Protein backbone atom coordinates (compact mmCIF):
# COMPACT_ATOMS: atom_id res chain seq x y z
CA MET A 1 12.82 19.54 8.66
CA THR A 2 10.06 17.73 8.45
CA TYR A 3 9.87 13.91 7.12
CA LYS A 4 6.74 12.44 5.81
CA CYS A 5 6.05 8.45 6.59
CA PHE A 6 6.47 6.67 3.19
CA ASN A 7 3.33 3.92 4.66
CA CYS A 8 0.65 6.22 7.21
CA LYS A 9 2.16 9.68 5.19
CA ASP A 10 1.97 11.36 8.74
CA GLU A 11 4.14 13.81 8.75
CA ILE A 12 6.91 13.69 11.73
CA PRO A 13 9.30 16.46 13.00
CA GLU A 14 13.14 16.29 13.51
CA LYS A 15 13.25 16.16 17.09
CA LEU A 16 11.30 12.08 16.90
CA ILE A 17 14.35 10.99 14.49
CA GLU A 18 16.70 12.53 16.15
CA ARG A 19 16.87 8.97 18.40
CA ARG A 20 15.43 5.99 15.99
CA ILE A 21 14.33 6.45 12.52
CA ILE A 22 10.89 4.81 12.97
CA CYS A 23 7.84 7.01 12.12
CA PRO A 24 5.57 6.94 14.88
CA SER A 25 2.55 5.79 14.44
CA CYS A 26 2.89 2.64 12.37
CA GLY A 27 6.45 1.41 13.14
CA SER A 28 7.73 1.66 9.49
CA ARG A 29 11.45 1.88 8.85
CA ILE A 30 10.77 3.74 5.61
CA LEU A 31 11.02 7.72 6.10
CA ILE A 32 11.37 10.62 3.21
CA LYS A 33 12.00 14.08 3.69
CA THR A 34 10.01 16.80 2.36
CA ARG A 35 10.88 19.55 -0.30
CA PRO A 36 10.05 23.23 0.33
CA GLU A 37 7.50 24.32 -1.09
CA ILE A 38 9.50 27.09 -2.43
CA ILE A 39 10.52 27.01 -6.57
CA LYS A 40 13.53 28.21 -7.73
CA LYS A 41 14.35 29.17 -11.32
CA VAL A 42 17.40 29.77 -12.42
CA LYS A 43 18.31 31.56 -15.51
CA ALA A 44 20.48 29.36 -18.83
CA LEU A 45 23.60 30.92 -19.91
């Protein structure tokens, strides 16, 4: 799973987040989980 920095939009792998929740490039503490590209379709009942 990867995270995306809110300020610099840089993608950060999960290994760098295990110790501290901080962006290594800009130092921001606001990170967003990236969603998968696959869109699931569910039929209505």
